[in-house]
Amino acid sequence: MKISEVTVNTLLEFIHEEPTEQAQQRMSIIMASALAYIEGHTAISRRRPDNEGESLDDYEDLTTAYLIICQHMYDNRTLVSEGKEFDRVIDGIMSLHSRNLVG
């Protein structure tokens, strides 16, 4: 599954949440934030304007990271955590595609 194919209902099913109107609104916000996070971390655009170059849809393993990031944002939406590292699996998947290397 490609990131662009993930719907609010896909995410709600993934996190075992009922598809209420409130939950769908929250998931829409979380999904947009997670996409922005992935784009910023990898420097890969979610869309190719002229169908040239790469996009997030070219890497199906990023879909797993996307769903987990969404779940993490949902699960920790009221928790302020200091000094916690983001999950190593997600960081590892994202690092495979990172283009923001400072050298």
Protein backbone atom coordinates (compact mmCIF):
# COMPACT_ATOMS: atom_id res chain seq x y z
CA MET A 1 0.00 0.00 0.00
CA LYS A 2 1.23 3.48 -0.86
CA ILE A 3 1.05 6.40 1.55
CA SER A 4 -1.39 8.19 -0.77
CA GLU A 5 -3.74 5.20 -0.52
CA VAL A 6 -4.04 5.43 3.27
CA THR A 7 -7.43 6.83 4.25
CA VAL A 8 -8.77 8.05 7.56
CA ASN A 9 -10.67 4.77 7.86
CA THR A 10 -7.48 2.78 7.15
CA LEU A 11 -5.80 4.59 10.02
CA LEU A 12 -8.78 4.20 12.35
CA GLU A 13 -8.77 0.47 11.68
CA PHE A 14 -4.99 0.32 12.24
CA ILE A 15 -5.28 1.95 15.67
CA HIS A 16 -8.48 0.04 16.57
CA GLU A 17 -10.59 3.17 16.95
CA GLU A 18 -14.27 3.57 16.08
CA PRO A 19 -14.94 5.75 13.00
CA THR A 20 -16.83 8.55 14.74
CA GLU A 21 -16.93 12.05 13.26
CA GLN A 22 -14.64 13.35 16.03
CA ALA A 23 -12.12 10.55 15.50
CA GLN A 24 -12.12 11.17 11.74
CA GLN A 25 -11.41 14.88 12.28
CA ARG A 26 -8.55 14.12 14.69
CA MET A 27 -7.08 11.56 12.29
CA SER A 28 -7.16 14.03 9.39
CA ILE A 29 -5.05 16.46 11.41
CA ILE A 30 -2.68 13.74 12.58
CA MET A 31 -2.30 12.34 9.05
CA ALA A 32 -1.34 15.76 7.66
CA SER A 33 1.18 16.25 10.47
CA ALA A 34 2.71 12.81 9.97
CA LEU A 35 3.08 13.42 6.22
CA ALA A 36 4.79 16.75 6.88
CA TYR A 37 7.08 15.04 9.40
CA ILE A 38 8.08 12.36 6.90
CA GLU A 39 8.63 14.90 4.12
CA GLY A 40 10.77 17.04 6.40
CA HIS A 41 12.78 14.10 7.68
CA THR A 42 13.43 12.48 4.31
CA ALA A 43 13.23 15.49 1.95
CA ILE A 44 11.10 13.33 -0.34
CA SER A 45 7.97 15.03 -1.65
CA ARG A 46 4.59 13.37 -1.20
CA ARG A 47 3.77 14.23 -4.84
CA ARG A 48 5.66 14.57 -8.08
CA PRO A 49 4.29 17.62 -9.87
CA ASP A 50 5.46 16.54 -13.33
CA ASN A 51 5.75 12.80 -12.62
CA GLU A 52 9.51 13.29 -12.51
CA GLY A 53 11.73 12.38 -9.61
CA GLU A 54 10.79 10.39 -6.56
CA SER A 55 7.82 10.64 -4.23
CA LEU A 56 6.87 9.02 -0.94
CA ASP A 57 4.68 6.59 -2.88
CA ASP A 58 7.83 5.06 -4.37
CA TYR A 59 8.71 3.57 -0.96
CA GLU A 60 6.03 1.30 0.42
CA ASP A 61 8.01 0.70 3.62
CA LEU A 62 7.40 4.35 4.47
CA THR A 63 3.68 3.52 4.67
CA THR A 64 4.40 1.42 7.75
CA ALA A 65 6.38 4.26 9.29
CA TYR A 66 3.54 6.66 8.40
CA LEU A 67 0.91 4.53 10.13
CA ILE A 68 3.09 4.08 13.21
CA ILE A 69 3.88 7.79 13.37
CA CYS A 70 0.15 8.54 13.16
CA GLN A 71 -0.53 6.03 15.92
CA HIS A 72 2.28 7.50 18.04
CA MET A 73 0.87 11.02 17.57
CA TYR A 74 -2.60 9.76 18.50
CA ASP A 75 -1.47 7.76 21.53
CA ASN A 76 0.66 10.63 22.83
CA ARG A 77 -1.64 13.52 21.95
CA THR A 78 -2.02 14.57 25.58
CA LEU A 79 1.35 13.45 26.88
CA VAL A 80 4.32 15.75 27.11
CA SER A 81 7.43 13.62 26.93
CA GLU A 82 10.87 15.03 27.41
CA GLY A 83 14.05 13.31 26.39
CA LYS A 84 12.34 10.32 24.78
CA GLU A 85 13.77 9.07 21.52
CA PHE A 86 11.44 8.27 18.68
CA ASP A 87 11.04 4.56 17.99
CA ARG A 88 14.24 3.13 16.48
CA VAL A 89 12.33 1.11 13.87
CA ILE A 90 10.64 4.21 12.52
CA ASP A 91 13.88 6.17 12.64
CA GLY A 92 15.65 3.35 10.82
CA ILE A 93 13.06 3.19 8.05
CA MET A 94 13.08 6.95 7.66
CA SER A 95 16.88 7.09 7.65
CA LEU A 96 16.96 4.67 4.73
CA HIS A 97 15.41 7.40 2.63
CA SER A 98 16.92 10.51 4.21
CA ARG A 99 18.23 13.13 1.84
CA ASN A 100 18.92 15.72 4.54
CA LEU A 101 22.45 14.62 5.38
CA VAL A 102 24.75 17.25 6.80
CA GLY A 103 28.19 16.50 5.63
